[in-house]
Amino acid sequence: MKNRLLWPLLALAALLLLNLIVTPSFFSLRMQDGALYGGLVDVLKNGAPTLLIALGMTLVIATRGIDLSVGAVAAIAGAVTCVHIGTSGSAGTAIAGMAIALVLCAVLGLWNGFLVAGLGIQPIIATLVLMTAGRGVAMLVTEGQIVTVNNTAYKQVGAGFLVLPISILISLLVLGLVAFVTRKTALGMLIEAVGVNPEASRLAGVRSRTIIWTVYVFAAVCAGIAGLMISSNVSAADANNAGLWIEMDAILAVVIGGTSLAGGRYSLTGTLLGALIIQTLTTTVYTIGVAPEVTLVFKAVVVIAVCLVQAPKARAALSFRKVAVPS
């Protein structure tokens, strides 16, 4: 596992070093009104939604699945909450709106789990349904408009501070809970067993369908929380653009972190590194002045390079073999 994390660590260090060269004050931190600000804090804050979704995606991928609908689910969560809040400035209204949104996200996760585990539909097809329809649902909720709100309590989720941004604290809390539950109980082993061989795990008494349903529900709830962060950060719900392509960033974060798309063993630490790499790469692109129209291409090239250096066959092909010297 340590060897698999070496290249992501080196890639993250290289990106941070490049940012430091381009912007010498990148590592500078300052305390203002009890809140910590700085380039590194911005990377963590902006990467919090991606990290949350990547955590859910890690467990889904570990069961040989994939969830393409998380971006749409994030948009639905923001739309439902903002529409519920409306013109209210009440904290109770904001909390109720967020609760309704997260319950709805859990139901959407159950739907994905039903299609995959219940009907046996391929995960990429099953979640593509909600990926497509979910944006339409969010547009229906907002009536095709960008819904703005002015609610202090809601704004705290994505833009509030408790020394560090609250969004960072939420993501780290979820990471800690997932790590504890999956590594200190049998759940992590059961997830890996389902990913390695679903049929064998079923014959061994593992309720593989229940495990699959659980990870899809968890991924949807994580996407919902991320959607609340994205929406509250700008105090608005944009059903068309909120969380757009964030599912791809999440999948890349998981893969960069060393988790195989074939299922089985996974790494939460690797996912954390992968999410940081994706967000730092995004920050780097804007810092060095890469044109917006080639940003996605630039990111794709860097990600491909990182994935290649992690691949055993690629490393073997690029490494210099020692030539035995005759005695």
Protein backbone atom coordinates (compact mmCIF):
# COMPACT_ATOMS: atom_id res chain seq x y z
CA MET A 1 0.00 0.00 0.00
CA LYS A 2 2.86 2.36 0.83
CA ASN A 3 4.37 1.84 -2.63
CA ARG A 4 1.01 2.59 -4.25
CA LEU A 5 0.80 5.88 -2.34
CA LEU A 6 4.34 6.96 -3.25
CA TRP A 7 3.54 8.30 -6.73
CA PRO A 8 0.41 10.21 -5.65
CA LEU A 9 2.47 11.79 -2.86
CA LEU A 10 5.18 12.78 -5.32
CA ALA A 11 2.61 14.17 -7.77
CA LEU A 12 0.98 16.25 -5.01
CA ALA A 13 4.37 17.52 -3.84
CA ALA A 14 5.32 18.49 -7.41
CA LEU A 15 2.07 20.42 -7.90
CA LEU A 16 2.48 22.25 -4.60
CA LEU A 17 6.08 23.09 -5.48
CA LEU A 18 4.99 24.47 -8.86
CA ASN A 19 2.39 26.66 -7.16
CA LEU A 20 5.04 27.89 -4.72
CA ILE A 21 7.36 28.82 -7.61
CA VAL A 22 4.63 30.64 -9.51
CA THR A 23 3.10 32.21 -6.38
CA PRO A 24 5.71 32.61 -3.60
CA SER A 25 2.98 33.43 -1.07
CA PHE A 26 1.06 30.21 -1.83
CA PHE A 27 1.98 28.60 1.52
CA SER A 28 1.32 31.78 3.50
CA LEU A 29 -1.42 31.59 6.13
CA ARG A 30 -3.13 34.41 7.97
CA MET A 31 -5.66 34.59 10.77
CA GLN A 32 -8.46 37.10 10.33
CA ASP A 33 -11.54 37.42 12.56
CA GLY A 34 -10.91 33.96 13.99
CA ALA A 35 -10.70 32.33 10.56
CA LEU A 36 -7.66 30.87 8.81
CA TYR A 37 -7.02 31.98 5.22
CA GLY A 38 -4.39 31.09 2.63
CA GLY A 39 -3.67 29.21 -0.57
CA LEU A 40 -3.54 25.80 1.10
CA VAL A 41 -6.80 26.49 2.93
CA ASP A 42 -8.43 27.40 -0.39
CA VAL A 43 -7.29 24.10 -1.92
CA LEU A 44 -8.75 22.15 1.00
CA LYS A 45 -11.99 24.15 1.01
CA ASN A 46 -12.59 23.87 -2.73
CA GLY A 47 -11.64 20.19 -2.68
CA ALA A 48 -13.98 19.28 0.19
CA PRO A 49 -16.99 18.41 -2.05
CA THR A 50 -14.79 16.29 -4.33
CA LEU A 51 -13.32 14.47 -1.32
CA LEU A 52 -16.79 13.71 0.06
CA ILE A 53 -18.05 12.31 -3.22
CA ALA A 54 -14.79 10.40 -3.74
CA LEU A 55 -15.23 8.70 -0.36
CA GLY A 56 -18.60 7.34 -1.41
CA MET A 57 -17.23 6.47 -4.84
CA THR A 58 -14.36 4.51 -3.24
CA LEU A 59 -16.72 2.11 -1.52
CA VAL A 60 -18.88 1.78 -4.63
CA ILE A 61 -15.85 1.00 -6.81
CA ALA A 62 -14.58 -1.46 -4.20
CA THR A 63 -17.74 -3.52 -4.85
CA ARG A 64 -17.01 -3.54 -8.62
CA GLY A 65 -19.51 -0.73 -9.16
CA ILE A 66 -19.50 2.85 -10.41
CA ASP A 67 -21.82 5.78 -9.74
CA LEU A 68 -22.14 8.35 -12.51
CA SER A 69 -25.16 10.03 -10.90
CA VAL A 70 -23.43 11.77 -7.97
CA GLY A 71 -23.16 15.11 -9.78
CA ALA A 72 -26.88 15.11 -10.55
CA VAL A 73 -27.69 14.07 -6.98
CA ALA A 74 -25.58 16.98 -5.69
CA ALA A 75 -27.55 19.36 -7.94
CA ILE A 76 -30.86 17.93 -6.67
CA ALA A 77 -29.80 18.40 -3.03
CA GLY A 78 -28.93 22.06 -3.58
CA ALA A 79 -32.10 22.69 -5.58
CA VAL A 80 -34.45 21.10 -3.04
CA THR A 81 -32.84 22.95 -0.12
CA CYS A 82 -32.83 26.37 -1.77
CA VAL A 83 -36.42 26.03 -2.98
CA HIS A 84 -37.50 25.00 0.52
CA ILE A 85 -35.67 27.94 2.12
CA GLY A 86 -37.05 30.46 -0.37
CA THR A 87 -36.99 33.91 1.20
CA SER A 88 -36.77 32.62 4.76
CA GLY A 89 -33.83 33.60 6.94
CA SER A 90 -34.70 31.09 9.65
CA ALA A 91 -32.13 28.52 10.75
CA GLY A 92 -34.91 26.00 11.34
CA THR A 93 -36.08 26.33 7.74
CA ALA A 94 -32.52 25.78 6.51
CA ILE A 95 -32.06 22.70 8.68
CA ALA A 96 -35.40 21.27 7.57
CA GLY A 97 -34.54 21.91 3.92
CA MET A 98 -31.17 20.18 4.25
CA ALA A 99 -32.76 17.22 6.06
CA ILE A 100 -35.38 16.81 3.32
CA ALA A 101 -32.66 16.99 0.67
CA LEU A 102 -30.49 14.34 2.34
CA VAL A 103 -33.44 11.98 2.84
CA LEU A 104 -34.25 12.39 -0.86
CA CYS A 105 -30.62 11.65 -1.73
CA ALA A 106 -30.76 8.47 0.35
CA VAL A 107 -33.88 7.42 -1.58
CA LEU A 108 -32.03 8.06 -4.86
CA GLY A 109 -29.19 5.91 -3.56
CA LEU A 110 -31.69 3.15 -2.79
CA TRP A 111 -32.92 3.45 -6.37
CA ASN A 112 -29.41 2.99 -7.74
CA GLY A 113 -28.84 0.05 -5.39
CA PHE A 114 -32.12 -1.53 -6.49
CA LEU A 115 -31.17 -1.30 -10.17
CA VAL A 116 -27.70 -2.76 -9.54
CA ALA A 117 -28.28 -5.31 -6.78
CA GLY A 118 -31.98 -6.01 -7.28
CA LEU A 119 -32.33 -6.08 -11.06
CA GLY A 120 -28.72 -6.92 -11.90
CA ILE A 121 -28.27 -4.00 -14.30
CA GLN A 122 -24.66 -3.00 -15.02
CA PRO A 123 -23.71 -0.17 -12.61
CA ILE A 124 -22.54 2.19 -15.37
CA ILE A 125 -25.93 1.86 -17.12
CA ALA A 126 -28.00 1.92 -13.93
CA THR A 127 -26.42 5.14 -12.64
CA LEU A 128 -26.35 6.72 -16.10
CA VAL A 129 -30.16 6.76 -15.90
CA LEU A 130 -30.12 9.00 -12.82
CA MET A 131 -27.18 11.00 -14.15
CA THR A 132 -29.33 11.97 -17.12
CA ALA A 133 -32.70 12.26 -15.41
CA GLY A 134 -31.33 13.85 -12.23
CA ARG A 135 -30.44 17.13 -13.93
CA GLY A 136 -33.96 17.24 -15.32
CA VAL A 137 -35.41 16.67 -11.85
CA ALA A 138 -33.27 19.49 -10.44
CA MET A 139 -34.40 21.77 -13.28
CA LEU A 140 -38.03 20.91 -12.54
CA VAL A 141 -37.54 21.69 -8.85
CA THR A 142 -36.03 25.10 -9.63
CA GLU A 143 -38.33 25.67 -12.64
CA GLY A 144 -35.24 26.20 -14.79
CA GLN A 145 -34.12 29.21 -12.78
CA ILE A 146 -31.10 29.90 -10.59
CA VAL A 147 -32.67 30.08 -7.12
CA THR A 148 -30.89 32.43 -4.73
CA VAL A 149 -31.31 32.48 -0.96
CA ASN A 150 -30.23 34.73 1.87
CA ASN A 151 -29.96 32.45 4.88
CA THR A 152 -27.03 32.84 7.28
CA ALA A 153 -27.39 29.36 8.78
CA TYR A 154 -27.37 27.70 5.37
CA LYS A 155 -24.38 29.72 4.20
CA GLN A 156 -22.33 28.34 7.10
CA VAL A 157 -22.23 24.86 5.53
CA GLY A 158 -20.19 25.91 2.52
CA ALA A 159 -18.77 29.29 3.46
CA GLY A 160 -18.64 29.30 7.28
CA PHE A 161 -15.53 29.03 9.45
CA LEU A 162 -14.63 27.42 12.76
CA VAL A 163 -11.00 28.53 12.42
CA LEU A 164 -10.91 26.24 9.35
CA PRO A 165 -13.74 26.26 6.78
CA ILE A 166 -16.66 24.19 8.03
CA SER A 167 -16.77 22.30 4.72
CA ILE A 168 -13.26 20.97 5.43
CA LEU A 169 -14.24 19.89 8.94
CA ILE A 170 -17.33 18.09 7.62
CA SER A 171 -15.31 16.22 5.00
CA LEU A 172 -12.63 15.21 7.49
CA LEU A 173 -15.30 14.08 9.96
CA VAL A 174 -16.92 11.86 7.32
CA LEU A 175 -13.48 10.52 6.32
CA GLY A 176 -12.74 9.66 9.95
CA LEU A 177 -16.10 7.95 10.43
CA VAL A 178 -15.75 5.91 7.23
CA ALA A 179 -12.20 4.88 8.16
CA PHE A 180 -13.32 3.83 11.64
CA VAL A 181 -16.37 1.87 10.49
CA THR A 182 -14.67 0.11 7.57
CA ARG A 183 -11.34 -0.64 9.25
CA LYS A 184 -12.41 -1.30 12.84
CA THR A 185 -15.39 -3.49 11.96
CA ALA A 186 -15.99 -6.30 9.48
CA LEU A 187 -17.73 -3.98 7.01
CA GLY A 188 -14.54 -3.08 5.14
CA MET A 189 -13.62 -6.74 4.71
CA LEU A 190 -17.14 -7.57 3.51
CA ILE A 191 -17.02 -4.75 0.95
CA GLU A 192 -13.69 -6.06 -0.36
CA ALA A 193 -15.05 -9.62 -0.44
CA VAL A 194 -18.03 -8.55 -2.55
CA GLY A 195 -15.68 -6.71 -4.90
CA VAL A 196 -13.26 -9.60 -5.29
CA ASN A 197 -15.91 -12.26 -5.95
CA PRO A 198 -19.60 -11.46 -5.39
CA GLU A 199 -20.76 -15.03 -6.00
CA ALA A 200 -18.20 -16.59 -3.66
CA SER A 201 -19.00 -14.07 -0.94
CA ARG A 202 -22.72 -14.84 -1.31
CA LEU A 203 -22.06 -18.57 -0.98
CA ALA A 204 -19.97 -17.81 2.11
CA GLY A 205 -22.97 -16.18 3.74
CA VAL A 206 -22.22 -12.55 2.98
CA ARG A 207 -25.31 -10.53 2.10
CA SER A 208 -23.74 -9.04 -0.99
CA ARG A 209 -26.93 -7.31 -2.16
CA THR A 210 -27.29 -5.53 1.18
CA ILE A 211 -23.66 -4.42 1.01
CA ILE A 212 -24.15 -3.06 -2.51
CA TRP A 213 -27.33 -1.20 -1.53
CA THR A 214 -25.53 0.27 1.48
CA VAL A 215 -22.60 1.68 -0.50
CA TYR A 216 -24.86 3.25 -3.12
CA VAL A 217 -26.97 4.91 -0.42
CA PHE A 218 -23.81 6.17 1.29
CA ALA A 219 -22.44 7.53 -2.01
CA ALA A 220 -25.72 9.37 -2.66
CA VAL A 221 -25.77 10.90 0.84
CA CYS A 222 -22.14 12.02 0.41
CA ALA A 223 -23.12 13.57 -2.92
CA GLY A 224 -26.03 15.30 -1.21
CA ILE A 225 -23.81 16.82 1.46
CA ALA A 226 -21.37 17.93 -1.23
CA GLY A 227 -24.27 19.50 -3.13
CA LEU A 228 -25.23 21.44 0.00
CA MET A 229 -21.64 22.71 0.28
CA ILE A 230 -21.55 23.80 -3.37
CA SER A 231 -24.95 25.50 -3.15
CA SER A 232 -24.47 27.19 0.21
CA ASN A 233 -21.06 28.51 -0.78
CA VAL A 234 -22.74 30.75 -3.37
CA SER A 235 -26.15 30.94 -1.65
CA ALA A 236 -27.82 29.69 -4.79
CA ALA A 237 -28.93 26.56 -6.62
CA ASP A 238 -27.88 26.22 -10.25
CA ALA A 239 -29.44 22.95 -11.38
CA ASN A 240 -27.64 23.02 -14.72
CA ASN A 241 -24.08 23.58 -13.50
CA ALA A 242 -23.87 22.56 -9.82
CA GLY A 243 -21.65 19.51 -9.49
CA LEU A 244 -21.20 19.28 -13.26
CA TRP A 245 -18.57 16.58 -14.05
CA ILE A 246 -17.70 16.22 -10.36
CA GLU A 247 -18.34 12.48 -10.75
CA MET A 248 -15.36 12.33 -13.12
CA ASP A 249 -13.12 14.16 -10.66
CA ALA A 250 -14.25 11.75 -7.93
CA ILE A 251 -13.54 8.67 -10.05
CA LEU A 252 -10.12 10.05 -11.00
CA ALA A 253 -9.36 10.78 -7.34
CA VAL A 254 -10.20 7.18 -6.43
CA VAL A 255 -8.11 5.71 -9.26
CA ILE A 256 -5.15 8.02 -8.64
CA GLY A 257 -5.30 6.93 -5.00
CA GLY A 258 -4.63 3.34 -6.01
CA THR A 259 -8.10 1.76 -5.82
CA SER A 260 -8.68 -0.63 -8.70
CA LEU A 261 -11.76 -0.23 -10.89
CA ALA A 262 -11.92 -4.04 -10.88
CA GLY A 263 -13.05 -3.92 -7.24
CA GLY A 264 -11.65 -5.44 -4.09
CA ARG A 265 -8.99 -3.66 -2.04
CA TYR A 266 -9.32 0.08 -1.65
CA SER A 267 -7.47 2.92 0.03
CA LEU A 268 -9.18 5.79 1.83
CA THR A 269 -5.82 7.50 2.33
CA GLY A 270 -5.19 7.18 -1.39
CA THR A 271 -8.59 8.70 -2.11
CA LEU A 272 -7.74 11.67 0.12
CA LEU A 273 -4.47 12.15 -1.79
CA GLY A 274 -6.27 11.77 -5.10
CA ALA A 275 -8.84 14.44 -4.20
CA LEU A 276 -6.06 16.80 -3.11
CA ILE A 277 -4.21 16.16 -6.38
CA ILE A 278 -7.31 16.90 -8.47
CA GLN A 279 -8.05 20.14 -6.63
CA THR A 280 -4.39 21.25 -6.53
CA LEU A 281 -4.16 20.54 -10.25
CA THR A 282 -7.23 22.70 -10.86
CA THR A 283 -5.69 25.49 -8.79
CA THR A 284 -2.39 25.12 -10.64
CA VAL A 285 -4.09 25.36 -14.03
CA TYR A 286 -5.59 28.73 -13.13
CA THR A 287 -2.41 29.91 -11.39
CA ILE A 288 -0.08 29.34 -14.35
CA GLY A 289 -2.59 30.90 -16.75
CA VAL A 290 -3.63 27.90 -18.83
CA ALA A 291 -6.42 28.94 -21.21
CA PRO A 292 -9.87 27.82 -19.98
CA GLU A 293 -10.63 26.04 -23.25
CA VAL A 294 -7.69 23.65 -22.78
CA THR A 295 -8.03 23.21 -19.01
CA LEU A 296 -9.72 19.81 -19.25
CA VAL A 297 -7.13 18.58 -21.75
CA PHE A 298 -4.31 19.73 -19.47
CA LYS A 299 -5.86 17.95 -16.49
CA ALA A 300 -6.37 14.79 -18.54
CA VAL A 301 -2.70 14.70 -19.61
CA VAL A 302 -1.47 15.09 -16.04
CA VAL A 303 -3.88 12.47 -14.70
CA ILE A 304 -2.89 9.99 -17.43
CA ALA A 305 0.78 10.55 -16.54
CA VAL A 306 0.12 9.90 -12.84
CA CYS A 307 -1.88 6.75 -13.61
CA LEU A 308 0.82 5.46 -15.97
CA VAL A 309 3.61 5.79 -13.44
CA GLN A 310 1.46 3.82 -10.99
CA ALA A 311 0.84 0.97 -13.43
CA PRO A 312 3.24 -1.95 -12.79
CA LYS A 313 3.66 -2.74 -16.50
CA ALA A 314 4.38 0.89 -17.36
CA ARG A 315 6.95 1.17 -14.56
CA ALA A 316 8.58 -2.05 -15.70
CA ALA A 317 8.78 -0.81 -19.29
CA LEU A 318 10.29 2.51 -18.28
CA SER A 319 12.72 1.22 -15.65
CA PHE A 320 16.33 0.45 -16.49
CA ARG A 321 17.20 -3.13 -15.80
CA LYS A 322 20.46 -3.76 -14.11
CA VAL A 323 22.91 -5.51 -16.36
CA ALA A 324 24.78 -8.26 -14.62
CA VAL A 325 28.51 -7.71 -14.80
CA PRO A 326 30.44 -10.98 -15.32
CA SER A 327 32.92 -11.70 -12.58
